[in-house]
PDB file of N, CA and C in Angstrom:
ATOM      1  N   UNK A   1     187.292 -52.452  -4.546  1.00  0.00           N
ATOM      2  CA  UNK A   1     187.337 -51.165  -4.758  1.00  0.00           C
ATOM      3  C   UNK A   1     188.649 -50.691  -5.251  1.00  0.00           C
ATOM      4  N   UNK A   2     188.470 -49.802  -6.048  1.00  0.00           N
ATOM      5  CA  UNK A   2     189.714 -49.238  -6.590  1.00  0.00           C
ATOM      6  C   UNK A   2     190.389 -48.049  -5.612  1.00  0.00           C
ATOM      7  N   UNK A   3     191.482 -47.786  -5.695  1.00  0.00           N
ATOM      8  CA  UNK A   3     192.054 -46.628  -4.774  1.00  0.00           C
ATOM      9  C   UNK A   3     191.705 -45.369  -5.215  1.00  0.00           C
ATOM     10  N   UNK A   4     191.645 -44.178  -4.415  1.00  0.00           N
ATOM     11  CA  UNK A   4     191.149 -43.294  -4.516  1.00  0.00           C
ATOM     12  C   UNK A   4     191.955 -42.523  -5.349  1.00  0.00           C
ATOM     13  N   UNK A   5     191.606 -41.330  -6.204  1.00  0.00           N
ATOM     14  CA  UNK A   5     192.749 -40.829  -6.914  1.00  0.00           C
ATOM     15  C   UNK A   5     193.518 -39.969  -6.105  1.00  0.00           C
ATOM     16  N   UNK A   6     194.544 -39.485  -6.462  1.00  0.00           N
ATOM     17  CA  UNK A   6     195.638 -38.827  -5.765  1.00  0.00           C
ATOM     18  C   UNK A   6     195.186 -37.395  -5.416  1.00  0.00           C
ATOM     19  N   UNK A   7     194.361 -36.796  -6.135  1.00  0.00           N
ATOM     20  CA  UNK A   7     194.144 -35.377  -5.478  1.00  0.00           C
ATOM     21  C   UNK A   7     193.111 -35.583  -4.260  1.00  0.00           C
ATOM     22  N   UNK A   8     192.575 -36.457  -4.132  1.00  0.00           N
ATOM     23  CA  UNK A   8     191.555 -36.837  -3.108  1.00  0.00           C
ATOM     24  C   UNK A   8     192.437 -37.089  -1.664  1.00  0.00           C
ATOM     25  N   UNK A   9     193.374 -37.864  -2.013  1.00  0.00           N
ATOM     26  CA  UNK A   9     194.234 -38.314  -0.803  1.00  0.00           C
ATOM     27  C   UNK A   9     194.943 -37.172  -0.261  1.00  0.00           C
ATOM     28  N   UNK A  10     195.362 -36.023  -1.142  1.00  0.00           N
ATOM     29  CA  UNK A  10     196.019 -34.893  -0.717  1.00  0.00           C
ATOM     30  C   UNK A  10     195.144 -34.181   0.571  1.00  0.00           C
ATOM     31  N   UNK A  11     193.984 -34.088   0.474  1.00  0.00           N
ATOM     32  CA  UNK A  11     193.018 -33.254   1.519  1.00  0.00           C
ATOM     33  C   UNK A  11     193.021 -34.198   2.632  1.00  0.00           C
ATOM     34  N   UNK A  12     193.222 -35.593   2.560  1.00  0.00           N
ATOM     35  CA  UNK A  12     192.863 -36.292   3.824  1.00  0.00           C
ATOM     36  C   UNK A  12     193.690 -36.082   4.985  1.00  0.00           C
ATOM     37  N   UNK A  13     193.109 -35.837   6.134  1.00  0.00           N
ATOM     38  CA  UNK A  13     193.989 -35.821   7.269  1.00  0.00           C
ATOM     39  C   UNK A  13     195.220 -36.571   7.455  1.00  0.00           C
ATOM     40  N   UNK A  14     196.186 -36.059   7.881  1.00  0.00           N
ATOM     41  CA  UNK A  14     197.268 -37.107   8.116  1.00  0.00           C
ATOM     42  C   UNK A  14     197.261 -37.458   9.511  1.00  0.00           C
ATOM     43  N   UNK A  15     197.425 -38.668   9.810  1.00  0.00           N
ATOM     44  CA  UNK A  15     197.371 -39.014  11.168  1.00  0.00           C
ATOM     45  C   UNK A  15     198.630 -38.740  11.999  1.00  0.00           C
ATOM     46  N   UNK A  16     199.541 -38.483  11.393  1.00  0.00           N
ATOM     47  CA  UNK A  16     200.796 -37.939  12.207  1.00  0.00           C
ATOM     48  C   UNK A  16     200.471 -36.678  12.868  1.00  0.00           C
ATOM     49  N   UNK A  17     199.759 -35.773  12.260  1.00  0.00           N
ATOM     50  CA  UNK A  17     199.369 -34.353  12.739  1.00  0.00           C
ATOM     51  C   UNK A  17     198.426 -34.496  13.792  1.00  0.00           C
ATOM     52  N   UNK A  18     197.596 -35.443  13.669  1.00  0.00           N
ATOM     53  CA  UNK A  18     196.486 -35.575  14.739  1.00  0.00           C
ATOM     54  C   UNK A  18     197.062 -36.143  16.190  1.00  0.00           C
ATOM     55  N   UNK A  19     197.857 -37.262  15.829  1.00  0.00           N
ATOM     56  CA  UNK A  19     198.714 -37.705  16.878  1.00  0.00           C
ATOM     57  C   UNK A  19     199.496 -36.457  17.556  1.00  0.00           C
ATOM     58  N   UNK A  20     200.145 -35.639  16.851  1.00  0.00           N
ATOM     59  CA  UNK A  20     201.269 -34.920  17.476  1.00  0.00           C
ATOM     60  C   UNK A  20     200.395 -33.637  18.273  1.00  0.00           C
ATOM     61  N   UNK A  21     199.069 -33.592  18.178  1.00  0.00           N
ATOM     62  CA  UNK A  21     198.361 -32.419  18.906  1.00  0.00           C
ATOM     63  C   UNK A  21     198.047 -31.190  18.306  1.00  0.00           C
ATOM     64  N   UNK A  22     198.336 -31.124  16.955  1.00  0.00           N
ATOM     65  CA  UNK A  22     198.045 -29.929  16.176  1.00  0.00           C
ATOM     66  C   UNK A  22     196.467 -29.699  15.904  1.00  0.00           C
ATOM     67  N   UNK A  23     196.104 -28.472  16.266  1.00  0.00           N
ATOM     68  CA  UNK A  23     194.470 -28.388  16.217  1.00  0.00           C
ATOM     69  C   UNK A  23     193.747 -28.818  14.940  1.00  0.00           C
ATOM     70  N   UNK A  24     192.834 -29.330  14.795  1.00  0.00           N
ATOM     71  CA  UNK A  24     192.151 -29.723  13.612  1.00  0.00           C
ATOM     72  C   UNK A  24     191.299 -28.498  12.983  1.00  0.00           C
ATOM     73  N   UNK A  25     191.376 -28.240  11.864  1.00  0.00           N
ATOM     74  CA  UNK A  25     190.542 -27.031  11.419  1.00  0.00           C
ATOM     75  C   UNK A  25     189.224 -26.959  11.475  1.00  0.00           C
ATOM     76  N   UNK A  26     188.686 -28.270  11.731  1.00  0.00           N
ATOM     77  CA  UNK A  26     187.211 -28.356  11.775  1.00  0.00           C
ATOM     78  C   UNK A  26     186.692 -27.687  13.353  1.00  0.00           C
ATOM     79  N   UNK A  27     187.782 -28.230  14.174  1.00  0.00           N
ATOM     80  CA  UNK A  27     187.634 -27.835  15.677  1.00  0.00           C
ATOM     81  C   UNK A  27     187.614 -26.193  15.878  1.00  0.00           C
ATOM     82  N   UNK A  28     188.886 -25.682  15.155  1.00  0.00           N
ATOM     83  CA  UNK A  28     189.112 -24.499  15.185  1.00  0.00           C
ATOM     84  C   UNK A  28     187.852 -23.491  14.397  1.00  0.00           C
ATOM     85  N   UNK A  29     187.310 -23.984  13.385  1.00  0.00           N
ATOM     86  CA  UNK A  29     186.025 -23.336  12.845  1.00  0.00           C
ATOM     87  C   UNK A  29     184.857 -23.607  13.524  1.00  0.00           C
ATOM     88  N   UNK A  30     184.587 -24.566  14.263  1.00  0.00           N
ATOM     89  CA  UNK A  30     183.525 -24.411  15.348  1.00  0.00           C
ATOM     90  C   UNK A  30     183.503 -23.851  16.410  1.00  0.00           C
ATOM     91  N   UNK A  31     184.783 -23.703  17.093  1.00  0.00           N
ATOM     92  CA  UNK A  31     185.045 -22.747  18.233  1.00  0.00           C
ATOM     93  C   UNK A  31     184.888 -21.506  17.710  1.00  0.00           C
ATOM     94  N   UNK A  32     185.414 -21.148  16.694  1.00  0.00           N
ATOM     95  CA  UNK A  32     185.219 -19.831  16.021  1.00  0.00           C
ATOM     96  C   UNK A  32     183.763 -19.157  15.789  1.00  0.00           C
ATOM     97  N   UNK A  33     183.235 -20.055  15.245  1.00  0.00           N
ATOM     98  CA  UNK A  33     181.542 -19.856  14.849  1.00  0.00           C
ATOM     99  C   UNK A  33     180.864 -19.897  16.284  1.00  0.00           C
ATOM    100  N   UNK A  34     181.226 -20.693  17.188  1.00  0.00           N
ATOM    101  CA  UNK A  34     180.543 -20.724  18.417  1.00  0.00           C
ATOM    102  C   UNK A  34     180.882 -19.232  19.094  1.00  0.00           C
ATOM    103  N   UNK A  35     182.020 -18.796  19.006  1.00  0.00           N
ATOM    104  CA  UNK A  35     182.492 -17.373  19.457  1.00  0.00           C
ATOM    105  C   UNK A  35     181.708 -16.387  19.075  1.00  0.00           C
ATOM    106  N   UNK A  36     181.494 -16.546  17.529  1.00  0.00           N
ATOM    107  CA  UNK A  36     180.733 -15.222  16.862  1.00  0.00           C
ATOM    108  C   UNK A  36     179.272 -15.338  17.281  1.00  0.00           C
ATOM    109  N   UNK A  37     178.764 -16.500  17.270  1.00  0.00           N
ATOM    110  CA  UNK A  37     177.491 -16.739  17.660  1.00  0.00           C
ATOM    111  C   UNK A  37     177.270 -16.156  19.011  1.00  0.00           C
ATOM    112  N   UNK A  38     177.991 -16.571  20.023  1.00  0.00           N
ATOM    113  CA  UNK A  38     177.780 -15.821  21.307  1.00  0.00           C
ATOM    114  C   UNK A  38     177.975 -14.404  21.322  1.00  0.00           C
ATOM    115  N   UNK A  39     178.873 -13.892  20.531  1.00  0.00           N
ATOM    116  CA  UNK A  39     179.133 -12.312  20.502  1.00  0.00           C
ATOM    117  C   UNK A  39     177.779 -11.660  19.885  1.00  0.00           C
ATOM    118  N   UNK A  40     177.304 -12.392  18.713  1.00  0.00           N
ATOM    119  CA  UNK A  40     175.852 -11.816  18.315  1.00  0.00           C
ATOM    120  C   UNK A  40     174.822 -11.730  19.295  1.00  0.00           C
ATOM    121  N   UNK A  41     174.779 -12.840  20.140  1.00  0.00           N
ATOM    122  CA  UNK A  41     173.868 -13.164  21.114  1.00  0.00           C
ATOM    123  C   UNK A  41     173.755 -11.934  22.035  1.00  0.00           C
ATOM    124  N   UNK A  42     175.132 -11.645  22.354  1.00  0.00           N
ATOM    125  CA  UNK A  42     175.244 -10.630  23.468  1.00  0.00           C
ATOM    126  C   UNK A  42     174.908  -9.110  22.697  1.00  0.00           C
ATOM    127  N   UNK A  43     175.099  -8.930  21.364  1.00  0.00           N
ATOM    128  CA  UNK A  43     174.983  -7.648  20.688  1.00  0.00           C
ATOM    129  C   UNK A  43     173.395  -7.494  20.586  1.00  0.00           C
ATOM    130  N   UNK A  44     172.851  -8.724  20.291  1.00  0.00           N
ATOM    131  CA  UNK A  44     171.251  -8.763  20.112  1.00  0.00           C
ATOM    132  C   UNK A  44     170.476  -8.568  21.732  1.00  0.00           C
ATOM    133  N   UNK A  45     171.184  -9.182  22.680  1.00  0.00           N
ATOM    134  CA  UNK A  45     170.475  -8.976  23.990  1.00  0.00           C
ATOM    135  C   UNK A  45     170.478  -7.619  24.277  1.00  0.00           C
ATOM    136  N   UNK A  46     171.855  -6.952  23.973  1.00  0.00           N
ATOM    137  CA  UNK A  46     172.076  -5.342  24.529  1.00  0.00           C
ATOM    138  C   UNK A  46     171.000  -4.490  23.811  1.00  0.00           C
ATOM    139  N   UNK A  47     170.863  -4.890  22.396  1.00  0.00           N
ATOM    140  CA  UNK A  47     169.648  -4.335  21.653  1.00  0.00           C
ATOM    141  C   UNK A  47     168.398  -4.473  22.080  1.00  0.00           C
ATOM    142  N   UNK A  48     168.176  -5.604  22.545  1.00  0.00           N
ATOM    143  CA  UNK A  48     166.920  -5.814  23.192  1.00  0.00           C
ATOM    144  C   UNK A  48     166.534  -5.359  24.160  1.00  0.00           C
ATOM    145  N   UNK A  49     167.510  -5.309  25.338  1.00  0.00           N
ATOM    146  CA  UNK A  49     167.344  -4.514  26.632  1.00  0.00           C
ATOM    147  C   UNK A  49     167.114  -2.986  26.248  1.00  0.00           C
ATOM    148  N   UNK A  50     167.942  -2.408  25.214  1.00  0.00           N
ATOM    149  CA  UNK A  50     167.610  -0.975  25.019  1.00  0.00           C
ATOM    150  C   UNK A  50     166.400  -0.753  24.384  1.00  0.00           C
ATOM    151  N   UNK A  51     165.722  -1.630  23.657  1.00  0.00           N
ATOM    152  CA  UNK A  51     164.419  -1.466  23.125  1.00  0.00           C
ATOM    153  C   UNK A  51     163.444  -1.669  23.868  1.00  0.00           C
ATOM    154  N   UNK A  52     163.812  -2.614  25.157  1.00  0.00           N
ATOM    155  CA  UNK A  52     162.865  -2.816  26.172  1.00  0.00           C
ATOM    156  C   UNK A  52     162.668  -1.243  26.958  1.00  0.00           C
ATOM    157  N   UNK A  53     163.812  -0.851  27.105  1.00  0.00           N
ATOM    158  CA  UNK A  53     164.208   0.317  28.117  1.00  0.00           C
ATOM    159  C   UNK A  53     163.348   1.383  27.645  1.00  0.00           C
ATOM    160  N   UNK A  54     163.483   1.714  26.156  1.00  0.00           N
ATOM    161  CA  UNK A  54     162.813   2.709  25.520  1.00  0.00           C
ATOM    162  C   UNK A  54     161.300   2.460  25.460  1.00  0.00           C
ATOM    163  N   UNK A  55     160.952   1.355  25.192  1.00  0.00           N
ATOM    164  CA  UNK A  55     159.537   0.785  25.257  1.00  0.00           C
ATOM    165  C   UNK A  55     158.757   1.279  26.394  1.00  0.00           C
ATOM    166  N   UNK A  56     159.524   1.074  27.544  1.00  0.00           N
ATOM    167  CA  UNK A  56     159.189   1.234  28.892  1.00  0.00           C
ATOM    168  C   UNK A  56     159.117   2.712  29.220  1.00  0.00           C
ATOM    169  N   UNK A  57     159.988   3.528  28.698  1.00  0.00           N
ATOM    170  CA  UNK A  57     159.956   4.865  28.932  1.00  0.00           C
ATOM    171  C   UNK A  57     158.760   5.488  28.090  1.00  0.00           C
ATOM    172  N   UNK A  58     158.816   5.210  26.812  1.00  0.00           N
ATOM    173  CA  UNK A  58     157.533   5.549  26.143  1.00  0.00           C
ATOM    174  C   UNK A  58     156.322   5.153  26.651  1.00  0.00           C
ATOM    175  N   UNK A  59     156.179   4.087  27.088  1.00  0.00           N
ATOM    176  CA  UNK A  59     155.050   3.690  27.798  1.00  0.00           C
ATOM    177  C   UNK A  59     154.356   4.433  29.083  1.00  0.00           C
ATOM    178  N   UNK A  60     155.377   5.007  29.746  1.00  0.00           N
ATOM    179  CA  UNK A  60     155.340   5.670  31.083  1.00  0.00           C
ATOM    180  C   UNK A  60     154.991   7.067  30.513  1.00  0.00           C
ATOM    181  N   UNK A  61     155.456   7.606  29.501  1.00  0.00           N
ATOM    182  CA  UNK A  61     155.276   8.912  28.921  1.00  0.00           C
ATOM    183  C   UNK A  61     153.719   9.074  28.406  1.00  0.00           C
ATOM    184  N   UNK A  62     153.331   7.736  27.561  1.00  0.00           N
ATOM    185  CA  UNK A  62     152.054   7.738  27.120  1.00  0.00           C
ATOM    186  C   UNK A  62     151.145   7.835  28.494  1.00  0.00           C
ATOM    187  N   UNK A  63     151.298   7.007  29.383  1.00  0.00           N
ATOM    188  CA  UNK A  63     150.390   6.979  30.610  1.00  0.00           C
ATOM    189  C   UNK A  63     150.288   8.201  31.066  1.00  0.00           C
ATOM    190  N   UNK A  64     151.564   9.089  31.181  1.00  0.00           N
ATOM    191  CA  UNK A  64     151.260  10.315  31.759  1.00  0.00           C
ATOM    192  C   UNK A  64     150.407  11.218  30.969  1.00  0.00           C
ATOM    193  N   UNK A  65     150.692  11.095  29.721  1.00  0.00           N
ATOM    194  CA  UNK A  65     149.886  12.076  28.879  1.00  0.00           C
ATOM    195  C   UNK A  65     148.499  11.729  28.707  1.00  0.00           C
ATOM    196  N   UNK A  66     148.061  10.573  28.825  1.00  0.00           N
ATOM    197  CA  UNK A  66     146.761  10.041  29.076  1.00  0.00           C
ATOM    198  C   UNK A  66     146.054  10.736  30.313  1.00  0.00           C
ATOM    199  N   UNK A  67     146.918  10.548  31.386  1.00  0.00           N
ATOM    200  CA  UNK A  67     146.501  11.177  32.396  1.00  0.00           C
ATOM    201  C   UNK A  67     145.969  12.641  32.366  1.00  0.00           C
ATOM    202  N   UNK A  68     147.148  13.356  31.846  1.00  0.00           N
ATOM    203  CA  UNK A  68     147.075  14.732  31.480  1.00  0.00           C
ATOM    204  C   UNK A  68     145.761  15.231  30.818  1.00  0.00           C
ATOM    205  N   UNK A  69     145.678  14.269  29.883  1.00  0.00           N
ATOM    206  CA  UNK A  69     144.277  14.573  28.627  1.00  0.00           C
ATOM    207  C   UNK A  69     143.138  14.415  29.574  1.00  0.00           C
ATOM    208  N   UNK A  70     143.005  13.504  30.347  1.00  0.00           N
ATOM    209  CA  UNK A  70     141.882  13.309  31.255  1.00  0.00           C
ATOM    210  C   UNK A  70     141.662  14.536  32.207  1.00  0.00           C
ATOM    211  N   UNK A  71     142.841  15.124  32.713  1.00  0.00           N
ATOM    212  CA  UNK A  71     142.929  16.282  33.474  1.00  0.00           C
ATOM    213  C   UNK A  71     142.133  17.471  32.638  1.00  0.00           C
ATOM    214  N   UNK A  72     142.885  17.732  31.480  1.00  0.00           N
ATOM    215  CA  UNK A  72     142.530  18.663  30.606  1.00  0.00           C
ATOM    216  C   UNK A  72     141.104  18.507  30.057  1.00  0.00           C
ATOM    217  N   UNK A  73     140.717  17.422  29.906  1.00  0.00           N
ATOM    218  CA  UNK A  73     139.187  17.350  29.566  1.00  0.00           C
ATOM    219  C   UNK A  73     138.245  17.548  30.476  1.00  0.00           C
ATOM    220  N   UNK A  74     138.380  17.176  31.734  1.00  0.00           N
ATOM    221  CA  UNK A  74     137.754  17.313  33.063  1.00  0.00           C
ATOM    222  C   UNK A  74     137.846  18.931  33.233  1.00  0.00           C
ATOM    223  N   UNK A  75     138.797  19.689  32.979  1.00  0.00           N
ATOM    224  CA  UNK A  75     139.014  21.127  33.001  1.00  0.00           C
ATOM    225  C   UNK A  75     138.064  21.805  31.923  1.00  0.00           C
ATOM    226  N   UNK A  76     138.194  21.360  30.670  1.00  0.00           N
ATOM    227  CA  UNK A  76     137.541  21.869  29.511  1.00  0.00           C
ATOM    228  C   UNK A  76     135.965  21.725  29.901  1.00  0.00           C
ATOM    229  N   UNK A  77     135.566  20.535  30.321  1.00  0.00           N
ATOM    230  CA  UNK A  77     134.070  20.329  30.572  1.00  0.00           C
ATOM    231  C   UNK A  77     133.704  21.471  31.775  1.00  0.00           C
ATOM    232  N   UNK A  78     134.458  21.649  32.917  1.00  0.00           N
ATOM    233  CA  UNK A  78     134.051  22.637  33.895  1.00  0.00           C
ATOM    234  C   UNK A  78     133.952  23.868  33.462  1.00  0.00           C
ATOM    235  N   UNK A  79     134.835  24.280  32.540  1.00  0.00           N
ATOM    236  CA  UNK A  79     134.901  25.698  32.168  1.00  0.00           C
ATOM    237  C   UNK A  79     133.848  25.792  30.912  1.00  0.00           C
ATOM    238  N   UNK A  80     133.456  24.630  30.304  1.00  0.00           N
ATOM    239  CA  UNK A  80     132.196  24.845  29.373  1.00  0.00           C
ATOM    240  C   UNK A  80     131.199  25.021  29.926  1.00  0.00           C
ATOM    241  N   UNK A  81     130.737  24.106  31.093  1.00  0.00           N
ATOM    242  CA  UNK A  81     129.607  24.419  32.069  1.00  0.00           C
ATOM    243  C   UNK A  81     129.452  25.823  32.648  1.00  0.00           C
ATOM    244  N   UNK A  82     130.590  26.328  33.155  1.00  0.00           N
ATOM    245  CA  UNK A  82     130.559  27.645  33.753  1.00  0.00           C
ATOM    246  C   UNK A  82     130.368  28.893  32.595  1.00  0.00           C
ATOM    247  N   UNK A  83     130.787  28.546  31.581  1.00  0.00           N
ATOM    248  CA  UNK A  83     130.515  29.637  30.471  1.00  0.00           C
ATOM    249  C   UNK A  83     129.148  29.385  30.042  1.00  0.00           C
ATOM    250  N   UNK A  84     128.621  28.323  30.028  1.00  0.00           N
ATOM    251  CA  UNK A  84     127.164  28.220  29.811  1.00  0.00           C
ATOM    252  C   UNK A  84     126.172  28.668  30.797  1.00  0.00           C
ATOM    253  N   UNK A  85     126.636  28.558  31.814  1.00  0.00           N
ATOM    254  CA  UNK A  85     125.830  29.129  32.912  1.00  0.00           C
ATOM    255  C   UNK A  85     126.046  30.790  33.052  1.00  0.00           C
ATOM    256  N   UNK A  86     127.237  31.427  32.636  1.00  0.00           N
ATOM    257  CA  UNK A  86     127.454  32.816  32.651  1.00  0.00           C
ATOM    258  C   UNK A  86     126.459  33.234  31.410  1.00  0.00           C
ATOM    259  N   UNK A  87     126.251  32.424  30.219  1.00  0.00           N
ATOM    260  CA  UNK A  87     125.386  32.846  29.051  1.00  0.00           C
ATOM    261  C   UNK A  87     124.179  33.064  29.609  1.00  0.00           C
ATOM    262  N   UNK A  88     123.705  32.089  30.451  1.00  0.00           N
ATOM    263  CA  UNK A  88     122.252  31.920  30.823  1.00  0.00           C
ATOM    264  C   UNK A  88     121.949  33.199  31.620  1.00  0.00           C
ATOM    265  N   UNK A  89     123.114  33.489  32.630  1.00  0.00           N
ATOM    266  CA  UNK A  89     122.839  34.674  33.595  1.00  0.00           C
ATOM    267  C   UNK A  89     122.595  35.971  32.742  1.00  0.00           C
ATOM    268  N   UNK A  90     123.637  36.044  31.668  1.00  0.00           N
ATOM    269  CA  UNK A  90     123.552  37.205  30.985  1.00  0.00           C
ATOM    270  C   UNK A  90     122.587  37.379  30.256  1.00  0.00           C
ATOM    271  N   UNK A  91     121.930  36.280  29.782  1.00  0.00           N
ATOM    272  CA  UNK A  91     120.583  36.435  29.165  1.00  0.00           C
ATOM    273  C   UNK A  91     119.419  36.738  29.647  1.00  0.00           C
ATOM    274  N   UNK A  92     119.282  36.312  31.206  1.00  0.00           N
ATOM    275  CA  UNK A  92     118.462  36.489  32.172  1.00  0.00           C
ATOM    276  C   UNK A  92     118.440  38.044  32.443  1.00  0.00           C
ATOM    277  N   UNK A  93     119.599  38.512  32.673  1.00  0.00           N
ATOM    278  CA  UNK A  93     119.827  39.892  32.999  1.00  0.00           C
ATOM    279  C   UNK A  93     119.356  40.969  31.757  1.00  0.00           C
ATOM    280  N   UNK A  94     119.776  40.492  30.674  1.00  0.00           N
ATOM    281  CA  UNK A  94     119.284  41.285  29.520  1.00  0.00           C
ATOM    282  C   UNK A  94     117.645  41.252  29.388  1.00  0.00           C
ATOM    283  N   UNK A  95     117.065  40.224  29.698  1.00  0.00           N
ATOM    284  CA  UNK A  95     115.632  40.315  29.587  1.00  0.00           C
ATOM    285  C   UNK A  95     115.064  41.362  30.792  1.00  0.00           C
ATOM    286  N   UNK A  96     115.876  41.196  31.904  1.00  0.00           N
ATOM    287  CA  UNK A  96     115.313  41.839  33.188  1.00  0.00           C
ATOM    288  C   UNK A  96     115.552  43.251  32.863  1.00  0.00           C
ATOM    289  N   UNK A  97     116.564  43.783  32.064  1.00  0.00           N
ATOM    290  CA  UNK A  97     116.908  45.102  31.965  1.00  0.00           C
ATOM    291  C   UNK A  97     115.813  45.599  30.924  1.00  0.00           C
ATOM    292  N   UNK A  98     115.757  44.688  29.886  1.00  0.00           N
ATOM    293  CA  UNK A  98     114.384  45.080  28.838  1.00  0.00           C
ATOM    294  C   UNK A  98     113.333  45.306  29.437  1.00  0.00           C
ATOM    295  N   UNK A  99     112.810  44.376  30.559  1.00  0.00           N
ATOM    296  CA  UNK A  99     111.643  44.507  30.953  1.00  0.00           C
ATOM    297  C   UNK A  99     111.574  45.755  31.938  1.00  0.00           C
ATOM    298  N   UNK A 100     112.466  45.808  32.768  1.00  0.00           N
ATOM    299  CA  UNK A 100     112.288  47.030  33.844  1.00  0.00           C
ATOM    300  C   UNK A 100     112.584  48.161  33.310  1.00  0.00           C
ATOM    301  N   UNK A 101     113.591  48.511  32.330  1.00  0.00           N
ATOM    302  CA  UNK A 101     114.000  50.024  32.043  1.00  0.00           C
ATOM    303  C   UNK A 101     113.870  50.173  30.570  1.00  0.00           C
ATOM    304  N   UNK A 102     114.061  49.322  29.677  1.00  0.00           N
ATOM    305  CA  UNK A 102     113.901  49.828  28.150  1.00  0.00           C
ATOM    306  C   UNK A 102     112.149  49.894  27.817  1.00  0.00           C
ATOM    307  N   UNK A 103     111.555  49.009  28.289  1.00  0.00           N
ATOM    308  CA  UNK A 103     110.144  49.188  28.132  1.00  0.00           C
ATOM    309  C   UNK A 103     109.450  50.331  28.646  1.00  0.00           C
ATOM    310  N   UNK A 104     109.992  50.653  29.741  1.00  0.00           N
ATOM    311  CA  UNK A 104     109.435  51.860  30.637  1.00  0.00           C
ATOM    312  C   UNK A 104     109.980  53.237  29.840  1.00  0.00           C
ATOM    313  N   UNK A 105     111.029  53.300  29.271  1.00  0.00           N
ATOM    314  CA  UNK A 105     111.595  54.297  28.601  1.00  0.00           C
ATOM    315  C   UNK A 105     110.945  54.628  27.169  1.00  0.00           C
ATOM    316  N   UNK A 106     110.601  53.224  26.590  1.00  0.00           N
ATOM    317  CA  UNK A 106     110.041  53.440  25.432  1.00  0.00           C
ATOM    318  C   UNK A 106     108.318  53.987  25.471  1.00  0.00           C
ATOM    319  N   UNK A 107     107.912  53.528  26.562  1.00  0.00           N
ATOM    320  CA  UNK A 107     106.593  54.185  26.956  1.00  0.00           C
ATOM    321  C   UNK A 107     106.519  55.505  26.958  1.00  0.00           C
ATOM    322  N   UNK A 108     107.649  56.066  27.785  1.00  0.00           N
ATOM    323  CA  UNK A 108     107.753  57.483  28.118  1.00  0.00           C
ATOM    324  C   UNK A 108     107.840  58.338  26.963  1.00  0.00           C
ATOM    325  N   UNK A 109     108.829  57.763  25.961  1.00  0.00           N
ATOM    326  CA  UNK A 109     109.038  58.556  24.569  1.00  0.00           C
ATOM    327  C   UNK A 109     107.901  58.306  23.715  1.00  0.00           C
ATOM    328  N   UNK A 110     107.150  57.366  23.960  1.00  0.00           N
ATOM    329  CA  UNK A 110     106.138  57.062  22.894  1.00  0.00           C
ATOM    330  C   UNK A 110     104.747  57.980  23.071  1.00  0.00           C
ATOM    331  N   UNK A 111     104.513  58.163  24.328  1.00  0.00           N
ATOM    332  CA  UNK A 111     103.233  59.205  24.402  1.00  0.00           C
ATOM    333  C   UNK A 111     104.057  60.555  24.686  1.00  0.00           C
ATOM    334  N   UNK A 112     103.344  61.361  23.679  1.00  0.00           N
ATOM    335  CA  UNK A 112     103.895  62.722  23.820  1.00  0.00           C
ATOM    336  C   UNK A 112     103.393  63.539  25.108  1.00  0.00           C
ATOM    337  N   UNK A 113     104.208  64.541  25.873  1.00  0.00           N
ATOM    338  CA  UNK A 113     103.811  64.831  27.013  1.00  0.00           C
ATOM    339  C   UNK A 113     102.482  65.800  26.823  1.00  0.00           C
ATOM    340  N   UNK A 114     101.686  65.894  27.684  1.00  0.00           N
ATOM    341  CA  UNK A 114     100.446  66.414  27.755  1.00  0.00           C
ATOM    342  C   UNK A 114     100.737  67.981  27.918  1.00  0.00           C
ATOM    343  N   UNK A 115      99.922  68.940  27.145  1.00  0.00           N
ATOM    344  CA  UNK A 115     100.355  70.424  27.267  1.00  0.00           C
ATOM    345  C   UNK A 115     100.285  70.956  28.854  1.00  0.00           C
ATOM    346  N   UNK A 116      99.454  70.500  29.737  1.00  0.00           N
ATOM    347  CA  UNK A 116      99.446  70.731  31.183  1.00  0.00           C
ATOM    348  C   UNK A 116     100.750  70.177  31.762  1.00  0.00           C
ATOM    349  N   UNK A 117     101.487  68.998  31.314  1.00  0.00           N
ATOM    350  CA  UNK A 117     102.551  68.635  31.733  1.00  0.00           C
ATOM    351  C   UNK A 117     103.947  69.732  31.296  1.00  0.00           C
ATOM    352  N   UNK A 118     103.647  70.003  30.032  1.00  0.00           N
ATOM    353  CA  UNK A 118     104.787  70.948  29.630  1.00  0.00           C
ATOM    354  C   UNK A 118     104.376  72.468  30.210  1.00  0.00           C
ATOM    355  N   UNK A 119     103.446  72.634  30.667  1.00  0.00           N
ATOM    356  CA  UNK A 119     103.057  73.990  31.296  1.00  0.00           C
ATOM    357  C   UNK A 119     103.507  73.920  32.887  1.00  0.00           C
ATOM    358  N   UNK A 120     103.313  72.518  33.600  1.00  0.00           N
ATOM    359  CA  UNK A 120     103.731  72.508  34.861  1.00  0.00           C
ATOM    360  C   UNK A 120     105.386  72.484  34.896  1.00  0.00           C
ATOM    361  N   UNK A 121     105.925  71.875  33.882  1.00  0.00           N
ATOM    362  CA  UNK A 121     107.536  71.628  33.788  1.00  0.00           C
ATOM    363  C   UNK A 121     107.907  73.009  33.543  1.00  0.00           C
ATOM    364  N   UNK A 122     107.519  73.783  32.886  1.00  0.00           N
ATOM    365  CA  UNK A 122     107.914  75.096  32.427  1.00  0.00           C
ATOM    366  C   UNK A 122     108.193  76.153  33.536  1.00  0.00           C
ATOM    367  N   UNK A 123     107.034  75.741  34.409  1.00  0.00           N
ATOM    368  CA  UNK A 123     106.906  76.724  35.553  1.00  0.00           C
ATOM    369  C   UNK A 123     107.946  76.362  36.604  1.00  0.00           C
ATOM    370  N   UNK A 124     108.539  75.091  36.642  1.00  0.00           N
ATOM    371  CA  UNK A 124     109.422  74.737  37.451  1.00  0.00           C
ATOM    372  C   UNK A 124     110.720  75.125  37.300  1.00  0.00           C
ATOM    373  N   UNK A 125     110.912  75.331  36.089  1.00  0.00           N
ATOM    374  CA  UNK A 125     112.481  75.718  35.720  1.00  0.00           C
ATOM    375  C   UNK A 125     112.611  77.299  35.868  1.00  0.00           C
ATOM    376  N   UNK A 126     111.424  77.881  35.736  1.00  0.00           N
ATOM    377  CA  UNK A 126     111.774  79.480  35.939  1.00  0.00           C
ATOM    378  C   UNK A 126     112.117  79.841  37.412  1.00  0.00           C
TER     379      UNK A 126
END
């Protein structure tokens, strides 16, 4: 094998620095990356927890809204039934009024009074 070029030898770690206890740049980079990963994981975990809290709050609001909708639908059905019953009663009352009062009044106005009735009524007024 031939000897490595001089430019490659310049970047090779020197054994004296390793023995002296100076930190290896590779170890520093690895520790730095791990620290950043842990920090990012913490931020992500905090974001996830916030998202879960919001989802839980919204889920509760949705559940409460669904319950309220069911209550309002039941109330609407109740009042719709009452309105229909009221309409039925009004219709029945209108028919009764027509049969009892209006038909009698129409019959009284339809037949002209007899001359005897007119004379009889005239005698009462005097």
